[in-house]
Amino acid sequence: MLMRAPQESGSWTWILDDVTGPDLEFALNAAARMSAVLEKHDLLEPHSIGWSWRHAARRGLAGDSCLSVSPSAIAGPALPDRLRSFHPQARISSIILLGSGAWFDADGERHREDRLVELFLAPDETDVWVELSVHHDVWAQCDFQGRPQPRIHANNAPRLAAALREIEQVLGVAAEPGEPTYYGCAEGYGLKAPDIIDGLGPDVSGALLG
């Protein structure tokens, strides 16, 4: 089992400001195109969609919902109305795609991990804010304990980089690296190389989730 950081170890964002039609449909269309790229690279095979909602006319009434979906359903025309039907008077403020992806250990053995990559979208009337985030250390040159892992990095980081480049092409918008956290930060199409002291990177394993 991989250790999962409570904050992202790297993230990339896009702002899609060419919204046409209803914002939820536009956001789900973008999510479908991005998830198709991530599924192609075996990084995210969605099994459910979560969303946050808020009633504008009923102050303080808000919540989160989740629905099991197949990857093909994300692009389906019925999904927007299906999400709205849970709370017809509410506005959907954010969407997250949850699923599993594959990573490879130092020997090249393939493993499946839930929430290996997460895709978050916040639709608005004029734009959609998108974030792709990772919370594990298989993309990094060192693990969370600071130990160099060149083979694991070589077995995983190139697929993430390839997917990010392809997503840029699909969306027509360049990715912006997200804010750094205690567990790492994005740089280019991967994670920033850590400072190595006496052969080790920083040990950030103190508050990890199993």
Protein backbone atom coordinates (compact mmCIF):
# COMPACT_ATOMS: atom_id res chain seq x y z
CA MET A 1 0.00 0.00 0.00
CA LEU A 2 1.29 3.43 -0.93
CA MET A 3 1.40 6.20 1.65
CA ARG A 4 -0.86 9.12 0.77
CA ALA A 5 -0.09 12.71 1.72
CA PRO A 6 -3.00 14.69 3.23
CA GLN A 7 -2.12 17.53 0.86
CA GLU A 8 -1.09 17.22 -2.75
CA SER A 9 2.55 16.56 -3.53
CA GLY A 10 2.00 18.27 -6.87
CA SER A 11 -0.84 19.91 -8.79
CA TRP A 12 -1.53 21.60 -12.12
CA THR A 13 -4.32 24.03 -12.92
CA TRP A 14 -6.13 25.37 -15.96
CA ILE A 15 -8.68 28.14 -16.38
CA LEU A 16 -11.11 27.50 -19.21
CA ASP A 17 -12.70 30.83 -20.09
CA ASP A 18 -14.38 29.84 -23.34
CA VAL A 19 -17.54 28.58 -21.68
CA THR A 20 -20.36 27.93 -24.12
CA GLY A 21 -23.79 26.81 -22.98
CA PRO A 22 -24.64 25.78 -19.41
CA ASP A 23 -21.58 25.77 -17.15
CA LEU A 24 -22.21 22.27 -15.73
CA GLU A 25 -22.41 20.71 -19.19
CA PHE A 26 -19.25 22.56 -20.23
CA ALA A 27 -17.38 21.39 -17.11
CA LEU A 28 -18.46 17.78 -17.53
CA ASN A 29 -17.41 17.88 -21.17
CA ALA A 30 -13.96 19.10 -20.13
CA ALA A 31 -13.82 16.43 -17.42
CA ALA A 32 -14.68 13.74 -19.96
CA ARG A 33 -11.95 14.86 -22.36
CA MET A 34 -9.35 15.03 -19.60
CA SER A 35 -10.34 11.72 -18.04
CA ALA A 36 -10.09 10.06 -21.46
CA VAL A 37 -6.45 11.16 -21.62
CA LEU A 38 -5.76 10.03 -18.06
CA GLU A 39 -7.44 6.67 -18.69
CA LYS A 40 -5.39 6.23 -21.88
CA HIS A 41 -2.22 6.56 -19.77
CA ASP A 42 -3.72 4.30 -17.05
CA LEU A 43 -3.60 7.11 -14.50
CA LEU A 44 -7.31 7.51 -13.72
CA GLU A 45 -10.17 5.17 -14.49
CA PRO A 46 -13.16 6.96 -12.93
CA HIS A 47 -15.56 4.93 -10.81
CA SER A 48 -17.51 7.80 -9.21
CA ILE A 49 -18.18 11.50 -9.41
CA GLY A 50 -18.57 13.75 -6.39
CA TRP A 51 -19.98 17.26 -6.33
CA SER A 52 -20.61 20.10 -3.90
CA TRP A 53 -23.88 22.01 -4.05
CA ARG A 54 -25.43 25.05 -2.41
CA HIS A 55 -28.99 26.45 -2.30
CA ALA A 56 -28.86 30.16 -3.13
CA ALA A 57 -32.41 30.74 -1.83
CA ARG A 58 -31.94 28.73 1.39
CA ARG A 59 -29.05 30.30 3.24
CA GLY A 60 -26.67 27.81 4.81
CA LEU A 61 -28.11 24.77 3.03
CA ALA A 62 -25.23 23.06 1.26
CA GLY A 63 -23.65 19.66 1.02
CA ASP A 64 -21.75 17.07 -0.95
CA SER A 65 -23.06 14.17 -3.00
CA CYS A 66 -21.46 11.25 -4.81
CA LEU A 67 -22.59 8.96 -7.60
CA SER A 68 -21.05 5.83 -9.07
CA VAL A 69 -20.44 6.26 -12.78
CA SER A 70 -18.74 4.44 -15.61
CA PRO A 71 -16.03 6.30 -17.55
CA SER A 72 -18.30 6.48 -20.61
CA ALA A 73 -21.14 8.06 -18.59
CA ILE A 74 -19.10 11.18 -17.84
CA ALA A 75 -19.46 12.29 -21.46
CA GLY A 76 -23.06 11.11 -21.67
CA PRO A 77 -25.85 13.67 -22.23
CA ALA A 78 -27.90 12.35 -19.30
CA LEU A 79 -25.34 13.02 -16.54
CA PRO A 80 -25.90 16.79 -16.02
CA ASP A 81 -29.63 16.37 -15.41
CA ARG A 82 -28.95 13.34 -13.24
CA LEU A 83 -26.68 15.39 -10.98
CA ARG A 84 -29.15 18.27 -10.85
CA SER A 85 -32.00 15.92 -9.93
CA PHE A 86 -30.52 15.23 -6.49
CA HIS A 87 -31.04 18.88 -5.43
CA PRO A 88 -33.03 20.60 -8.21
CA GLN A 89 -32.90 24.11 -6.68
CA ALA A 90 -29.19 24.01 -5.84
CA ARG A 91 -26.18 25.23 -7.75
CA ILE A 92 -23.34 22.77 -8.30
CA SER A 93 -20.13 24.58 -7.33
CA SER A 94 -17.49 21.88 -7.82
CA ILE A 95 -16.97 18.42 -9.26
CA ILE A 96 -14.36 15.77 -8.50
CA LEU A 97 -13.65 12.59 -10.45
CA LEU A 98 -12.55 9.66 -8.31
CA GLY A 99 -11.07 6.42 -9.55
CA SER A 100 -7.99 4.24 -9.62
CA GLY A 101 -4.75 4.29 -11.57
CA ALA A 102 -1.67 2.16 -12.12
CA TRP A 103 1.83 2.72 -10.78
CA PHE A 104 4.98 0.64 -11.19
CA ASP A 105 7.46 -0.35 -8.51
CA ALA A 106 11.26 -0.48 -8.83
CA ASP A 107 11.07 -3.90 -10.51
CA GLY A 108 8.51 -2.70 -13.04
CA GLU A 109 5.64 -4.60 -11.43
CA ARG A 110 2.27 -2.94 -11.98
CA HIS A 111 0.01 -2.04 -9.05
CA ARG A 112 -3.45 -0.48 -8.82
CA GLU A 113 -4.11 2.39 -6.43
CA ASP A 114 -7.34 4.26 -5.68
CA ARG A 115 -7.17 8.04 -6.05
CA LEU A 116 -3.71 7.92 -7.63
CA VAL A 117 -4.70 11.03 -9.59
CA GLU A 118 -7.61 13.33 -8.81
CA LEU A 119 -9.41 15.69 -11.16
CA PHE A 120 -11.30 18.67 -9.67
CA LEU A 121 -13.39 21.22 -11.56
CA ALA A 122 -15.15 24.36 -10.30
CA PRO A 123 -17.66 25.64 -12.90
CA ASP A 124 -18.83 29.24 -13.02
CA GLU A 125 -20.92 31.19 -15.48
CA THR A 126 -17.86 32.63 -17.22
CA ASP A 127 -15.10 30.06 -16.68
CA VAL A 128 -14.17 26.67 -15.26
CA TRP A 129 -11.22 26.26 -12.90
CA VAL A 130 -9.58 22.83 -13.23
CA GLU A 131 -7.00 21.13 -11.01
CA LEU A 132 -5.22 17.82 -11.46
CA SER A 133 -3.44 16.68 -8.30
CA VAL A 134 -1.28 13.80 -7.06
CA HIS A 135 -0.76 12.80 -3.43
CA HIS A 136 1.77 9.96 -3.64
CA ASP A 137 5.55 9.88 -3.95
CA VAL A 138 5.88 7.56 -6.96
CA TRP A 139 6.23 10.64 -9.22
CA ALA A 140 9.13 12.07 -7.20
CA GLN A 141 12.87 11.52 -7.30
CA CYS A 142 12.81 10.70 -3.57
CA ASP A 143 10.15 8.95 -1.52
CA PHE A 144 8.41 10.64 1.41
CA GLN A 145 11.21 9.52 3.73
CA GLY A 146 13.78 11.25 1.54
CA ARG A 147 15.30 8.10 0.05
CA PRO A 148 16.26 8.41 -3.64
CA GLN A 149 14.15 6.16 -5.89
CA PRO A 150 15.44 6.61 -9.45
CA ARG A 151 13.83 3.44 -10.83
CA ILE A 152 10.38 4.16 -9.40
CA HIS A 153 10.61 7.73 -10.67
CA ALA A 154 11.63 6.51 -14.13
CA ASN A 155 8.80 3.96 -14.16
CA ASN A 156 6.06 6.48 -13.34
CA ALA A 157 6.93 10.15 -13.90
CA PRO A 158 7.12 9.97 -17.73
CA ARG A 159 3.51 8.78 -18.00
CA LEU A 160 2.28 11.69 -15.88
CA ALA A 161 4.33 14.14 -17.96
CA ALA A 162 2.96 12.70 -21.20
CA ALA A 163 -0.62 12.95 -19.93
CA LEU A 164 -0.17 16.57 -18.83
CA ARG A 165 1.21 17.52 -22.25
CA GLU A 166 -1.67 15.77 -23.98
CA ILE A 167 -4.24 17.45 -21.73
CA GLU A 168 -2.77 20.82 -22.70
CA GLN A 169 -3.34 19.94 -26.34
CA VAL A 170 -6.88 18.71 -25.68
CA LEU A 171 -7.86 21.83 -23.72
CA GLY A 172 -5.83 24.29 -25.77
CA VAL A 173 -4.60 25.88 -22.53
CA ALA A 174 -1.18 25.58 -20.89
CA ALA A 175 -1.01 24.07 -17.41
CA GLU A 176 0.02 26.26 -14.48
CA PRO A 177 1.85 24.58 -11.57
CA GLY A 178 -0.14 24.69 -8.35
CA GLU A 179 0.98 26.07 -5.02
CA PRO A 180 3.72 24.12 -3.20
CA THR A 181 2.84 22.15 -0.08
CA TYR A 182 4.88 20.53 2.66
CA TYR A 183 4.93 17.36 0.54
CA GLY A 184 6.21 18.79 -2.72
CA CYS A 185 5.36 21.00 -5.65
CA ALA A 186 4.91 20.83 -9.39
CA GLU A 187 7.53 22.09 -11.78
CA GLY A 188 6.95 21.80 -15.49
CA TYR A 189 5.32 18.45 -16.16
CA GLY A 190 6.58 16.74 -13.02
CA LEU A 191 7.56 17.32 -9.40
CA LYS A 192 10.34 19.67 -8.45
CA ALA A 193 13.60 17.91 -7.60
CA PRO A 194 14.29 17.97 -3.85
CA ASP A 195 17.41 19.31 -2.20
CA ILE A 196 19.73 16.36 -1.52
CA ILE A 197 21.86 16.53 1.64
CA ASP A 198 24.16 13.62 2.53
CA GLY A 199 22.45 11.51 -0.11
CA LEU A 200 18.89 12.09 1.17
CA GLY A 201 16.02 14.40 0.41
CA PRO A 202 13.69 15.86 3.04
CA ASP A 203 11.78 13.41 5.26
CA VAL A 204 8.10 14.45 5.19
CA SER A 205 6.68 11.11 6.34
CA GLY A 206 5.57 12.22 9.80
CA ALA A 207 1.88 12.84 8.99
CA LEU A 208 1.15 10.50 6.12
CA LEU A 209 -2.01 8.49 5.58
CA GLY A 210 -1.84 4.78 4.93
